[in-house]
Amino acid sequence: METRVVTAHIPIELAEKVDQLAARLERPKGWIVKQALTAWIDLEAKRYQLTLEGLADVDAGRLVEHSAIEGWANSLDRSV
């Protein structure tokens, strides 16, 4: 796999945590950063997909009325 260097300025406290984690796991700091960045990008892609699905539901009229949600939420207080 080809790679490319990406430079980022991060807070010292975060850099120290990366250093500590790399030492504990006996892995290079670059590996730690790659794992974290990959996980975050995957999470953001999932959030974006869910947002698009939600907007498609709105466009298709698949909605729940606010009053129905309020009624449901209020019923939670009474069930305790």
N, C-alpha and C. Protein backbone atom coordinates (compact mmCIF):
# COMPACT_ATOMS: atom_id res chain seq x y z
N MET A 1 0.84 -1.17 0.00
CA MET A 1 0.00 0.00 0.00
C MET A 1 0.89 1.25 0.00
N GLU A 2 0.56 2.16 -0.86
CA GLU A 2 1.29 3.43 -0.87
C GLU A 2 0.85 4.27 0.31
N THR A 3 1.74 5.09 0.80
CA THR A 3 1.40 5.97 1.91
C THR A 3 1.79 7.40 1.60
N ARG A 4 1.29 8.30 2.40
CA ARG A 4 1.61 9.72 2.26
C ARG A 4 1.70 10.31 3.66
N VAL A 5 2.63 11.16 3.89
CA VAL A 5 2.79 11.82 5.18
C VAL A 5 1.78 12.95 5.28
N VAL A 6 1.08 12.99 6.42
CA VAL A 6 0.15 14.07 6.72
C VAL A 6 0.62 14.69 8.03
N THR A 7 0.75 15.99 8.05
CA THR A 7 1.22 16.68 9.24
C THR A 7 0.05 17.41 9.90
N ALA A 8 -0.01 17.32 11.22
CA ALA A 8 -1.06 18.01 11.95
C ALA A 8 -0.50 18.51 13.28
N HIS A 9 -0.91 19.68 13.66
CA HIS A 9 -0.55 20.21 14.97
C HIS A 9 -1.64 19.78 15.93
N ILE A 10 -1.24 19.10 17.01
CA ILE A 10 -2.21 18.65 18.00
C ILE A 10 -1.78 19.15 19.37
N PRO A 11 -2.73 19.26 20.29
CA PRO A 11 -2.36 19.72 21.64
C PRO A 11 -1.32 18.79 22.27
N ILE A 12 -0.45 19.36 23.06
CA ILE A 12 0.63 18.59 23.70
C ILE A 12 0.05 17.44 24.52
N GLU A 13 -1.03 17.69 25.24
CA GLU A 13 -1.63 16.63 26.06
C GLU A 13 -2.06 15.44 25.21
N LEU A 14 -2.63 15.70 24.04
CA LEU A 14 -3.03 14.62 23.15
C LEU A 14 -1.81 13.88 22.60
N ALA A 15 -0.79 14.63 22.25
CA ALA A 15 0.45 14.01 21.75
C ALA A 15 1.07 13.11 22.82
N GLU A 16 1.02 13.56 24.06
CA GLU A 16 1.56 12.74 25.16
C GLU A 16 0.75 11.46 25.34
N LYS A 17 -0.55 11.54 25.16
CA LYS A 17 -1.39 10.35 25.25
C LYS A 17 -1.06 9.36 24.13
N VAL A 18 -0.80 9.88 22.94
CA VAL A 18 -0.40 9.03 21.82
C VAL A 18 0.94 8.37 22.14
N ASP A 19 1.86 9.14 22.69
CA ASP A 19 3.17 8.59 23.07
C ASP A 19 3.00 7.45 24.08
N GLN A 20 2.18 7.69 25.10
CA GLN A 20 1.96 6.69 26.15
C GLN A 20 1.31 5.43 25.59
N LEU A 21 0.32 5.61 24.75
CA LEU A 21 -0.37 4.47 24.16
C LEU A 21 0.56 3.67 23.26
N ALA A 22 1.36 4.36 22.48
CA ALA A 22 2.31 3.69 21.60
C ALA A 22 3.31 2.87 22.42
N ALA A 23 3.77 3.43 23.52
CA ALA A 23 4.72 2.71 24.38
C ALA A 23 4.05 1.49 25.01
N ARG A 24 2.83 1.68 25.50
CA ARG A 24 2.14 0.57 26.16
C ARG A 24 1.84 -0.56 25.20
N LEU A 25 1.42 -0.21 23.97
CA LEU A 25 1.08 -1.22 22.97
C LEU A 25 2.29 -1.71 22.18
N GLU A 26 3.43 -1.05 22.41
CA GLU A 26 4.64 -1.36 21.66
C GLU A 26 4.40 -1.26 20.15
N ARG A 27 3.79 -0.17 19.78
CA ARG A 27 3.50 0.14 18.37
C ARG A 27 4.04 1.52 18.05
N PRO A 28 4.32 1.78 16.79
CA PRO A 28 4.75 3.13 16.41
C PRO A 28 3.60 4.14 16.58
N LYS A 29 3.98 5.37 16.84
CA LYS A 29 2.96 6.42 16.98
C LYS A 29 2.13 6.54 15.71
N GLY A 30 2.77 6.38 14.56
CA GLY A 30 2.04 6.46 13.30
C GLY A 30 0.94 5.42 13.20
N TRP A 31 1.18 4.24 13.75
CA TRP A 31 0.17 3.18 13.74
C TRP A 31 -1.02 3.58 14.59
N ILE A 32 -0.74 4.17 15.77
CA ILE A 32 -1.81 4.63 16.66
C ILE A 32 -2.67 5.68 15.95
N VAL A 33 -2.02 6.64 15.35
CA VAL A 33 -2.74 7.72 14.67
C VAL A 33 -3.55 7.17 13.50
N LYS A 34 -2.97 6.24 12.74
CA LYS A 34 -3.69 5.64 11.61
C LYS A 34 -4.93 4.91 12.09
N GLN A 35 -4.82 4.14 13.17
CA GLN A 35 -5.98 3.42 13.71
C GLN A 35 -7.07 4.39 14.14
N ALA A 36 -6.68 5.44 14.86
CA ALA A 36 -7.65 6.42 15.36
C ALA A 36 -8.33 7.16 14.21
N LEU A 37 -7.55 7.57 13.24
CA LEU A 37 -8.09 8.31 12.10
C LEU A 37 -9.03 7.44 11.27
N THR A 38 -8.65 6.20 11.07
CA THR A 38 -9.49 5.26 10.32
C THR A 38 -10.83 5.05 11.03
N ALA A 39 -10.79 4.85 12.34
CA ALA A 39 -12.03 4.65 13.11
C ALA A 39 -12.91 5.89 13.05
N TRP A 40 -12.31 7.07 13.15
CA TRP A 40 -13.10 8.30 13.13
C TRP A 40 -13.72 8.52 11.75
N ILE A 41 -12.96 8.27 10.69
CA ILE A 41 -13.50 8.44 9.34
C ILE A 41 -14.64 7.46 9.08
N ASP A 42 -14.49 6.22 9.55
CA ASP A 42 -15.57 5.23 9.41
C ASP A 42 -16.82 5.68 10.15
N LEU A 43 -16.65 6.22 11.36
CA LEU A 43 -17.78 6.70 12.14
C LEU A 43 -18.47 7.87 11.45
N GLU A 44 -17.69 8.80 10.94
CA GLU A 44 -18.27 9.95 10.24
C GLU A 44 -19.01 9.52 8.98
N ALA A 45 -18.49 8.53 8.26
CA ALA A 45 -19.17 8.02 7.07
C ALA A 45 -20.51 7.42 7.45
N LYS A 46 -20.55 6.68 8.56
CA LYS A 46 -21.81 6.08 9.04
C LYS A 46 -22.80 7.17 9.44
N ARG A 47 -22.33 8.19 10.16
CA ARG A 47 -23.21 9.30 10.55
C ARG A 47 -23.78 9.99 9.31
N TYR A 48 -22.95 10.20 8.32
CA TYR A 48 -23.41 10.86 7.09
C TYR A 48 -24.46 10.00 6.40
N GLN A 49 -24.23 8.69 6.32
CA GLN A 49 -25.20 7.79 5.70
C GLN A 49 -26.52 7.81 6.45
N LEU A 50 -26.47 7.79 7.78
CA LEU A 50 -27.70 7.84 8.58
C LEU A 50 -28.43 9.17 8.39
N THR A 51 -27.68 10.25 8.24
CA THR A 51 -28.30 11.55 7.99
C THR A 51 -29.03 11.54 6.65
N LEU A 52 -28.38 10.99 5.62
CA LEU A 52 -29.02 10.91 4.31
C LEU A 52 -30.29 10.06 4.36
N GLU A 53 -30.23 8.94 5.11
CA GLU A 53 -31.41 8.09 5.26
C GLU A 53 -32.53 8.84 5.98
N GLY A 54 -32.18 9.59 7.00
CA GLY A 54 -33.18 10.38 7.72
C GLY A 54 -33.82 11.44 6.83
N LEU A 55 -33.01 12.11 6.04
CA LEU A 55 -33.55 13.11 5.12
C LEU A 55 -34.44 12.47 4.06
N ALA A 56 -34.09 11.28 3.62
CA ALA A 56 -34.93 10.56 2.65
C ALA A 56 -36.27 10.21 3.29
N ASP A 57 -36.26 9.84 4.56
CA ASP A 57 -37.51 9.57 5.27
C ASP A 57 -38.38 10.82 5.33
N VAL A 58 -37.76 11.96 5.61
CA VAL A 58 -38.51 13.22 5.65
C VAL A 58 -39.10 13.51 4.28
N ASP A 59 -38.30 13.38 3.23
CA ASP A 59 -38.79 13.63 1.88
C ASP A 59 -39.94 12.71 1.50
N ALA A 60 -39.91 11.48 2.03
CA ALA A 60 -40.95 10.50 1.72
C ALA A 60 -42.16 10.63 2.65
N GLY A 61 -42.08 11.56 3.60
CA GLY A 61 -43.21 11.78 4.50
C GLY A 61 -43.28 10.80 5.66
N ARG A 62 -42.22 10.06 5.88
CA ARG A 62 -42.20 9.11 7.01
C ARG A 62 -41.76 9.87 8.26
N LEU A 63 -42.74 10.47 8.92
CA LEU A 63 -42.48 11.32 10.07
C LEU A 63 -43.33 10.89 11.26
N VAL A 64 -42.94 11.33 12.44
CA VAL A 64 -43.73 11.13 13.64
C VAL A 64 -44.07 12.52 14.17
N GLU A 65 -45.33 12.75 14.45
CA GLU A 65 -45.75 14.07 14.93
C GLU A 65 -45.13 14.37 16.29
N HIS A 66 -44.83 15.63 16.49
CA HIS A 66 -44.22 16.07 17.74
C HIS A 66 -45.09 15.71 18.93
N SER A 67 -46.39 15.88 18.80
CA SER A 67 -47.29 15.57 19.92
C SER A 67 -47.23 14.08 20.29
N ALA A 68 -47.04 13.22 19.31
CA ALA A 68 -46.92 11.78 19.60
C ALA A 68 -45.65 11.49 20.39
N ILE A 69 -44.57 12.18 20.04
CA ILE A 69 -43.32 12.00 20.77
C ILE A 69 -43.46 12.54 22.19
N GLU A 70 -44.11 13.70 22.33
CA GLU A 70 -44.33 14.26 23.66
C GLU A 70 -45.15 13.31 24.53
N GLY A 71 -46.20 12.74 23.95
CA GLY A 71 -47.03 11.80 24.68
C GLY A 71 -46.24 10.58 25.13
N TRP A 72 -45.41 10.08 24.24
CA TRP A 72 -44.57 8.93 24.59
C TRP A 72 -43.60 9.29 25.71
N ALA A 73 -42.94 10.46 25.58
CA ALA A 73 -41.97 10.88 26.59
C ALA A 73 -42.65 11.09 27.94
N ASN A 74 -43.81 11.69 27.92
CA ASN A 74 -44.55 11.91 29.17
C ASN A 74 -44.98 10.60 29.81
N SER A 75 -45.27 9.60 29.00
CA SER A 75 -45.68 8.30 29.55
C SER A 75 -44.53 7.61 30.27
N LEU A 76 -43.31 7.96 29.95
CA LEU A 76 -42.15 7.37 30.62
C LEU A 76 -42.12 7.77 32.09
N ASP A 77 -42.51 9.00 32.38
CA ASP A 77 -42.53 9.48 33.76
C ASP A 77 -43.55 8.71 34.61
N ARG A 78 -44.65 8.34 34.02
CA ARG A 78 -45.72 7.66 34.76
C ARG A 78 -45.44 6.18 34.97
N SER A 79 -44.56 5.61 34.17
CA SER A 79 -44.34 4.17 34.26
C SER A 79 -43.34 3.79 35.36
N VAL A 80 -42.74 4.79 35.99
CA VAL A 80 -41.72 4.49 37.03
C VAL A 80 -42.36 4.26 38.36
